[in-house]
Protein backbone atom coordinates (compact mmCIF):
# COMPACT_ATOMS: atom_id res chain seq x y z
CA MET A 1 43.96 -128.64 -17.79
CA PRO A 2 46.46 -126.63 -15.68
CA GLU A 3 48.78 -124.16 -17.37
CA LEU A 4 51.96 -125.76 -18.73
CA TRP A 5 53.74 -122.43 -18.26
CA MET A 6 53.22 -120.61 -14.97
CA PRO A 7 51.20 -117.40 -15.52
CA GLY A 8 53.44 -114.37 -15.07
CA ALA A 9 56.69 -116.31 -15.47
CA GLU A 10 59.45 -115.19 -17.82
CA ILE A 11 59.57 -117.96 -20.41
CA HIS A 12 62.98 -119.30 -21.48
CA ASP A 13 62.12 -122.62 -23.13
CA ILE A 14 65.45 -124.48 -23.43
CA GLY A 15 63.87 -127.42 -25.27
CA ASP A 16 64.98 -130.95 -24.35
CA HIS A 17 61.44 -131.87 -23.31
CA ALA A 18 60.79 -135.45 -22.19
CA PRO A 19 57.83 -137.16 -20.49
CA THR A 20 57.70 -138.26 -16.87
CA ASP A 21 56.96 -141.85 -15.83
CA GLY A 22 53.66 -141.23 -14.06
CA GLY A 23 52.82 -141.81 -10.43
CA PRO A 24 52.36 -139.50 -7.43
CA ALA A 25 52.77 -135.84 -8.37
CA LYS A 26 55.84 -134.23 -6.81
CA ALA A 27 57.68 -130.94 -6.44
CA ILE A 28 61.34 -130.67 -5.43
CA ALA A 29 62.61 -127.65 -3.49
CA HIS A 30 66.17 -126.44 -4.12
CA ILE A 31 68.31 -123.41 -3.41
CA THR A 32 71.04 -122.41 -5.86
CA TRP A 33 73.69 -122.21 -3.08
CA ASP A 34 76.06 -120.18 -5.26
CA LYS A 35 78.49 -119.21 -2.48
CA ASN A 36 79.58 -120.61 0.88
CA ALA A 37 78.94 -117.74 3.27
CA THR A 38 78.79 -117.78 7.07
CA ALA A 39 77.28 -115.63 9.82
CA SER A 40 80.68 -114.04 10.40
CA ALA A 41 81.48 -113.72 6.70
CA PRO A 42 78.28 -113.06 4.68
CA GLN A 43 78.55 -112.57 0.93
CA ASP A 44 76.60 -110.61 -1.64
CA TRP A 45 73.60 -112.34 -3.20
CA VAL A 46 74.03 -113.65 -6.75
CA SER A 47 71.47 -112.02 -9.03
CA PHE A 48 68.43 -113.70 -10.55
CA ASP A 49 69.54 -112.72 -14.07
CA SER A 50 72.94 -114.39 -13.50
CA LEU A 51 71.24 -117.67 -12.65
CA VAL A 52 68.87 -117.41 -15.62
CA ASN A 53 71.87 -116.84 -17.90
CA TYR A 54 73.65 -119.85 -16.40
CA PHE A 55 70.74 -122.29 -16.64
CA THR A 56 69.89 -121.19 -20.19
CA GLY A 57 73.56 -121.45 -21.17
CA SER A 58 76.28 -123.73 -19.87
CA GLY A 59 74.06 -125.06 -17.05
CA GLN A 60 71.24 -126.39 -19.24
CA GLY A 61 72.16 -129.95 -18.32
CA SER A 62 71.01 -129.36 -14.73
CA ALA A 63 68.29 -126.78 -15.37
CA PRO A 64 65.12 -126.89 -13.23
CA HIS A 65 61.60 -126.05 -14.29
CA ILE A 66 61.48 -122.86 -12.23
CA ILE A 67 64.02 -120.24 -11.10
CA TRP A 68 62.50 -118.14 -8.32
CA ASP A 69 63.76 -114.84 -6.89
CA PRO A 70 62.42 -114.73 -3.31
CA PHE A 71 63.29 -111.05 -2.93
CA THR A 72 61.36 -109.59 -5.87
CA GLY A 73 59.05 -112.45 -6.86
CA ARG A 74 60.44 -112.80 -10.38
CA VAL A 75 60.03 -116.28 -11.84
CA ALA A 76 61.66 -117.79 -14.92
CA GLN A 77 60.47 -121.10 -16.39
CA LEU A 78 62.73 -123.28 -18.54
CA HIS A 79 60.67 -126.49 -18.99
CA PRO A 80 56.90 -127.00 -19.28
CA ALA A 81 55.33 -128.60 -16.22
CA ASN A 82 54.69 -131.95 -17.93
CA SER A 83 58.33 -132.44 -18.94
CA ARG A 84 61.06 -133.80 -16.73
CA SER A 85 63.92 -131.49 -15.87
CA LYS A 86 67.43 -132.51 -14.81
CA SER A 87 68.14 -130.81 -11.49
CA VAL A 88 68.70 -133.97 -9.45
CA VAL A 89 71.08 -136.87 -9.98
CA ASP A 90 69.52 -139.94 -11.60
CA SER A 91 71.79 -142.98 -11.23
CA THR A 92 71.53 -146.03 -13.46
CA GLY A 93 68.92 -148.43 -12.08
CA GLY A 94 66.53 -147.71 -9.24
CA THR A 95 64.02 -144.88 -9.29
CA ARG A 96 64.17 -142.35 -12.10
CA THR A 97 64.41 -139.32 -9.85
CA ASN A 98 63.68 -136.64 -12.44
CA ARG A 99 60.67 -138.55 -13.82
CA ALA A 100 59.09 -140.36 -10.83
CA GLY A 101 55.61 -138.81 -10.94
CA SER A 102 52.82 -137.50 -13.12
CA VAL A 103 54.83 -134.29 -12.73
CA VAL A 104 58.14 -133.70 -10.94
CA ILE A 105 58.29 -129.91 -10.82
CA GLN A 106 61.68 -128.64 -9.66
CA ILE A 107 62.12 -125.15 -8.20
CA GLU A 108 65.46 -123.43 -7.64
CA ALA A 109 65.21 -120.50 -5.23
CA VAL A 110 67.99 -117.99 -5.92
CA PHE A 111 69.50 -118.08 -2.45
CA PHE A 112 72.39 -119.26 -0.29
CA PRO A 113 72.65 -119.11 3.53
CA TYR A 114 73.92 -115.78 4.89
CA CYS A 115 73.57 -113.98 1.60
CA ARG A 116 73.54 -110.19 1.76
CA TYR A 117 70.78 -108.44 -0.18
CA GLN A 118 70.50 -104.63 -0.13
CA GLY A 119 72.57 -104.44 3.05
CA ARG A 120 70.68 -107.09 5.04
CA VAL A 121 71.92 -110.64 5.73
CA TYR A 122 69.51 -113.58 5.45
CA PRO A 123 70.50 -116.84 7.20
CA ARG A 124 67.61 -118.92 5.77
CA LEU A 125 65.40 -118.84 2.70
CA ALA A 126 62.37 -118.60 4.98
CA ASP A 127 63.79 -115.32 6.37
CA THR A 128 63.50 -113.60 2.98
CA PRO A 129 60.31 -111.83 1.83
CA CYS A 130 59.46 -115.00 -0.18
CA ALA A 131 57.85 -112.66 -2.71
CA GLY A 132 55.68 -114.45 -5.27
CA TRP A 133 55.57 -117.69 -3.27
CA ASP A 134 51.77 -117.62 -3.13
CA ARG A 135 51.50 -117.64 -6.93
CA LEU A 136 54.15 -120.36 -7.26
CA ASN A 137 52.51 -122.51 -4.57
CA ALA A 138 49.11 -122.20 -6.26
CA TRP A 139 50.47 -123.12 -9.70
CA VAL A 140 52.26 -126.23 -8.39
CA LEU A 141 49.09 -127.23 -6.53
CA SER A 142 47.11 -126.92 -9.77
CA TRP A 143 49.22 -129.80 -11.12
CA GLY A 144 48.04 -132.09 -8.34
CA VAL A 145 51.02 -131.69 -6.00
CA PRO A 146 49.45 -131.57 -2.52
CA ASP A 147 50.58 -129.13 0.16
CA THR A 148 52.40 -131.72 2.21
CA TRP A 149 55.97 -132.86 2.93
CA PRO A 150 56.02 -136.71 3.01
CA MET A 151 59.54 -136.68 4.50
CA GLY A 152 58.90 -133.65 6.71
CA LYS A 153 59.30 -129.94 6.01
CA PRO A 154 62.99 -128.99 5.73
CA VAL A 155 64.20 -127.11 8.81
CA ASP A 156 67.96 -127.73 8.57
CA PHE A 157 70.61 -129.05 6.20
CA SER A 158 70.37 -132.71 7.16
CA SER A 159 69.38 -135.53 4.79
CA HIS A 160 66.29 -137.74 5.18
CA ARG A 161 65.89 -140.18 2.30
CA ASP A 162 63.54 -143.12 1.81
CA GLU A 163 63.04 -144.51 -1.68
CA ALA A 164 59.76 -146.26 -0.83
CA THR A 165 58.24 -143.00 0.42
CA TRP A 166 59.59 -141.16 -2.63
CA GLU A 167 58.03 -143.61 -5.06
CA THR A 168 54.61 -143.90 -3.41
CA GLN A 169 53.69 -140.54 -1.85
CA ALA A 170 52.77 -137.29 -3.58
CA GLY A 171 53.83 -133.90 -2.26
CA TRP A 172 56.81 -131.63 -1.78
CA TYR A 173 60.31 -133.01 -1.27
CA ALA A 174 63.51 -131.21 -0.35
CA HIS A 175 66.55 -131.96 -2.48
CA ALA A 176 67.79 -133.51 0.78
CA HIS A 177 64.95 -136.09 0.50
CA VAL A 178 65.57 -137.31 -3.05
CA PRO A 179 67.07 -140.82 -3.44
CA GLU A 180 70.42 -141.23 -5.23
CA ASN A 181 71.41 -137.65 -4.31
CA ASP A 182 73.73 -136.21 -1.66
CA HIS A 183 72.72 -132.54 -1.57
CA GLN A 184 71.25 -131.23 1.69
CA ASP A 185 69.33 -128.16 0.54
CA PRO A 186 67.16 -126.14 0.85
CA GLY A 187 67.42 -126.00 4.66
CA SER A 188 64.10 -124.15 4.98
CA TRP A 189 61.09 -123.31 2.83
CA PRO A 190 58.13 -120.92 3.15
CA THR A 191 54.84 -122.09 4.60
CA PHE A 192 52.15 -123.20 2.18
CA THR A 193 49.72 -120.39 1.36
CA THR A 194 46.90 -122.36 -0.25
CA ALA A 195 45.37 -123.18 3.15
CA ASN A 196 43.65 -126.54 2.83
CA GLY A 197 45.21 -127.83 -0.38
CA PRO A 198 43.11 -129.29 -3.23
CA GLN A 199 39.38 -128.99 -2.69
CA PRO A 200 36.81 -131.52 -3.96
CA THR A 201 34.78 -130.46 -6.96
CA PRO A 202 31.21 -129.67 -5.83
CA SER A 203 28.31 -131.53 -7.33
CA PRO A 204 25.98 -129.53 -9.63
CA SER A 205 23.47 -129.21 -6.80
CA GLU A 206 26.13 -127.59 -4.61
CA GLU A 207 27.31 -125.07 -7.17
CA ASP A 208 26.34 -121.45 -6.77
CA ASP A 209 26.63 -118.61 -9.26
CA MET A 210 27.31 -116.22 -6.38
CA PRO A 211 31.07 -115.49 -6.11
CA SER A 212 32.63 -116.50 -2.81
CA LEU A 213 34.38 -113.99 -0.55
CA ALA A 214 37.70 -115.59 -1.50
CA GLU A 215 36.94 -115.14 -5.22
CA ILE A 216 35.90 -111.54 -4.64
CA ASP A 217 39.07 -110.83 -2.66
CA THR A 218 41.26 -112.46 -5.34
CA LEU A 219 39.64 -110.39 -8.10
CA ILE A 220 40.02 -107.18 -6.12
CA GLN A 221 43.68 -107.83 -5.34
CA GLN A 222 44.43 -108.65 -9.00
CA ARG A 223 42.83 -105.41 -10.18
CA LEU A 224 44.52 -103.27 -7.54
CA ALA A 225 47.90 -104.92 -8.19
CA ALA A 226 47.59 -104.29 -11.93
CA GLU A 227 46.76 -100.63 -11.28
CA ARG A 228 49.70 -100.21 -8.95
CA ASP A 229 52.00 -101.86 -11.48
CA MET A 230 51.08 -99.33 -14.15
CA THR A 231 51.47 -96.50 -11.65
CA ALA A 232 54.95 -97.70 -10.71
CA HIS A 233 56.01 -97.74 -14.35
CA ALA A 234 54.56 -94.31 -15.11
CA THR A 235 56.25 -92.82 -12.04
CA LEU A 236 59.62 -94.34 -12.86
CA TYR A 237 59.40 -93.28 -16.51
CA TRP A 238 58.57 -89.70 -15.54
CA LEU A 239 61.43 -89.49 -13.04
CA THR A 240 64.09 -90.92 -15.33
CA VAL A 241 63.03 -88.92 -18.39
CA ALA A 242 62.31 -85.63 -16.60
CA TYR A 243 65.63 -85.70 -14.75
CA GLY A 244 67.68 -87.19 -17.57
CA GLY A 245 68.74 -90.24 -15.59
CA LEU A 246 71.32 -90.43 -12.84
CA GLN A 247 74.39 -89.44 -14.80
CA ASP A 248 76.16 -88.19 -11.70
CA ASP A 249 76.81 -90.06 -8.48
CA PRO A 250 73.45 -91.72 -7.63
CA GLY A 251 74.13 -91.20 -3.94
CA THR A 252 74.14 -87.41 -4.29
CA HIS A 253 71.16 -87.11 -6.63
CA PRO A 254 68.09 -85.48 -5.01
CA LEU A 255 65.95 -88.45 -6.06
CA ALA A 256 68.40 -91.10 -4.88
CA ALA A 257 66.06 -92.24 -2.12
CA VAL A 258 63.13 -92.65 -4.49
CA ILE A 259 64.42 -94.12 -7.74
CA PRO A 260 66.09 -97.28 -6.32
CA ALA A 261 62.83 -98.30 -4.63
CA LEU A 262 60.87 -97.73 -7.83
CA ARG A 263 63.52 -99.58 -9.80
CA ASN A 264 63.17 -102.61 -7.52
CA ARG A 265 59.37 -102.39 -7.75
CA LEU A 266 59.50 -102.38 -11.54
CA ALA A 267 61.89 -105.34 -11.59
CA ALA A 268 59.36 -107.35 -9.58
CA LEU A 269 56.47 -106.79 -12.00
CA PRO A 270 55.16 -109.72 -14.07
CA ASN A 271 56.72 -110.08 -17.51
CA GLN A 272 53.48 -109.09 -19.24
CA VAL A 273 53.67 -105.61 -17.67
CA TRP A 274 57.28 -104.69 -18.50
CA SER A 275 60.38 -106.82 -18.96
CA HIS A 276 62.97 -104.03 -18.59
CA LYS A 277 64.26 -102.65 -15.31
CA LEU A 278 64.63 -99.06 -16.57
CA PRO A 279 63.34 -97.32 -19.70
CA HIS A 280 66.64 -96.11 -21.12
CA LEU A 281 69.41 -96.54 -18.58
CA ARG A 282 72.12 -99.14 -18.30
CA ASP A 283 72.82 -100.90 -15.02
CA ASP A 284 75.54 -98.33 -14.27
CA TRP A 285 72.89 -95.53 -14.58
CA THR A 286 74.33 -94.10 -17.82
CA LYS A 287 72.14 -93.45 -20.85
CA ASP A 288 71.87 -95.83 -23.79
CA GLY A 289 70.97 -93.84 -26.91
CA ASP A 290 69.26 -96.70 -28.74
CA LEU A 291 67.18 -97.65 -25.73
CA GLU A 292 66.36 -94.01 -25.09
CA ALA A 293 64.89 -93.65 -28.60
CA PHE A 294 62.99 -96.92 -28.31
CA TRP A 295 61.54 -96.14 -24.91
CA TYR A 296 60.59 -92.62 -25.94
CA VAL A 297 58.13 -94.14 -28.41
CA ALA A 298 57.11 -97.08 -26.20
CA GLY A 299 56.67 -94.96 -23.09
CA LYS A 300 55.06 -91.88 -24.58
CA ASP A 301 51.59 -93.37 -24.26
CA VAL A 302 52.08 -94.04 -20.56
CA SER A 303 53.74 -90.68 -19.96
CA ASP A 304 50.99 -88.69 -21.71
CA ARG A 305 48.23 -90.35 -19.76
CA ALA A 306 50.13 -90.00 -16.50
CA THR A 307 50.02 -86.23 -16.90
CA GLU A 308 46.24 -86.25 -17.37
CA ARG A 309 45.54 -87.56 -13.91
CA SER A 310 47.77 -86.78 -10.97
CA PHE A 311 49.14 -89.55 -8.83
CA ALA A 312 47.38 -88.07 -5.83
CA GLU A 313 44.02 -88.50 -7.55
CA LEU A 314 44.91 -92.05 -8.51
CA LYS A 315 45.88 -92.91 -4.95
CA ALA A 316 42.65 -91.44 -3.65
CA LEU A 317 40.63 -93.44 -6.18
CA LEU A 318 42.31 -96.71 -5.22
CA SER A 319 41.86 -95.98 -1.53
CA ALA A 320 38.16 -95.19 -1.93
CA GLN A 321 37.49 -98.26 -4.06
CA GLY A 322 39.43 -100.53 -1.73
CA ALA A 323 37.60 -99.20 1.32
CA ALA A 324 34.19 -99.62 -0.33
CA ILE A 325 34.84 -103.18 -1.40
CA THR A 326 36.41 -104.13 1.93
CA ALA A 327 33.40 -102.75 3.81
CA LEU A 328 31.06 -104.68 1.56
CA ALA A 329 32.99 -107.93 2.04
CA GLN A 330 32.96 -107.41 5.81
CA GLN A 331 29.21 -106.86 5.70
CA VAL A 332 28.71 -110.16 3.89
CA ALA A 333 31.12 -111.97 6.23
CA ALA A 334 29.19 -110.65 9.23
CA GLY A 335 26.03 -112.25 7.92
CA THR A 336 24.19 -109.00 7.20
CA PRO A 337 21.43 -109.68 4.65
CA VAL A 338 22.49 -108.45 1.20
CA ASP A 339 20.69 -109.06 -2.04
CA PRO A 340 23.05 -111.20 -4.23
CA ASP A 341 22.30 -109.23 -7.40
CA GLU A 342 22.98 -105.98 -5.60
CA LEU A 343 26.24 -107.38 -4.20
CA VAL A 344 27.51 -108.43 -7.63
CA ALA A 345 26.46 -105.11 -9.19
CA ARG A 346 28.15 -103.04 -6.50
CA ILE A 347 31.39 -105.00 -6.71
CA GLN A 348 31.44 -104.76 -10.50
CA ALA A 349 30.80 -101.03 -10.29
CA ALA A 350 33.52 -100.58 -7.67
CA ILE A 351 36.21 -102.17 -9.82
CA ALA A 352 34.97 -100.76 -13.13
CA GLY A 353 37.14 -97.66 -12.77
CA ILE A 354 40.25 -99.79 -12.56
CA GLU A 355 39.27 -101.91 -15.55
CA ILE A 356 38.48 -98.85 -17.64
CA HIS A 357 41.78 -97.19 -16.70
CA LEU A 358 43.74 -100.28 -17.61
CA THR A 359 41.96 -100.50 -20.95
CA THR A 360 42.65 -96.92 -21.92
CA ALA A 361 46.04 -96.37 -20.34
CA GLY A 362 47.61 -99.81 -20.60
CA THR A 363 50.44 -100.65 -22.96
CA PRO A 364 50.43 -103.88 -25.03
CA ALA A 365 52.37 -106.62 -23.27
CA PRO A 366 55.62 -107.78 -24.88
CA THR A 367 55.68 -111.31 -26.28
CA PRO A 368 57.49 -113.68 -23.85
CA LYS A 369 60.95 -114.40 -25.20
CA GLU A 370 62.18 -117.90 -25.89
CA SER A 371 65.72 -119.18 -25.91
């Protein structure tokens, strides 16, 4: 069975679970549209945390399943996949818009047209980095929602609604496609990343114990990403502790060009790595004594191990392993004869260093919080 809670999401279960009515599996694409900005008058983006606070507080009555930050890839989930949410209007009589499918997974991208993020203006959601979209797309697909737009992929803010299509066809729908509603979002949406959509299950005679190139690549990327995540945390912890935080004007600090980038990188990490943006600093870059004491204990393990192996050595190790595995995958793709047992053994050996490092240097993941 697919995962009720998206792997890597920050869990904020607001309760109020209720079943769907069954039928074609659907996903509904929204944007939060917090401000009305224009090309001539852009406005600052509203933060992911602000939207999480709203939908877990006074906005629970219209909360979606998923809140997605397209700039950092952070994802918060408020309802399990098999529950209805309440992000679209459901009028009395007619189709039950929030329940009309085996699942009706609703995603709110934290975005409005012409929002300004870190000095750059983004006219459309599709213009953003769409960070984390691949993971979100794959999770929705795992619930049987095909990579298709029955009413057409949204490319503007016009409405296209047909209740018969809505009730009978599975796939992705814009809020602008949902019957009984008048919203016109999201205006655009990223391209599907799962290539060919759901694949048929092979018969036993077709199955092969040999991992496919796609499976090898996925495993490699997961291991490398996990290693980089731990490196980002160790680097940020060392900088903030060694230099005592940015107590003065951040713009004049000698590390001002480095720490913001690392701070953003850390904020984008999955919840099971770290759920705090900085070890012991408030958002205004001043120290918090209680947090400082807590993170001294929690971060000491990472800090001690970071000093045992320089970051230059770590970078070289990752580069060498990545190059070896890439070369091997290319050899297989080119049709060069390779013994399957040797291939598996070499790949396992190539990623063993990463697995060992994560086992010895990793920090226990925090338990996902619930509201």
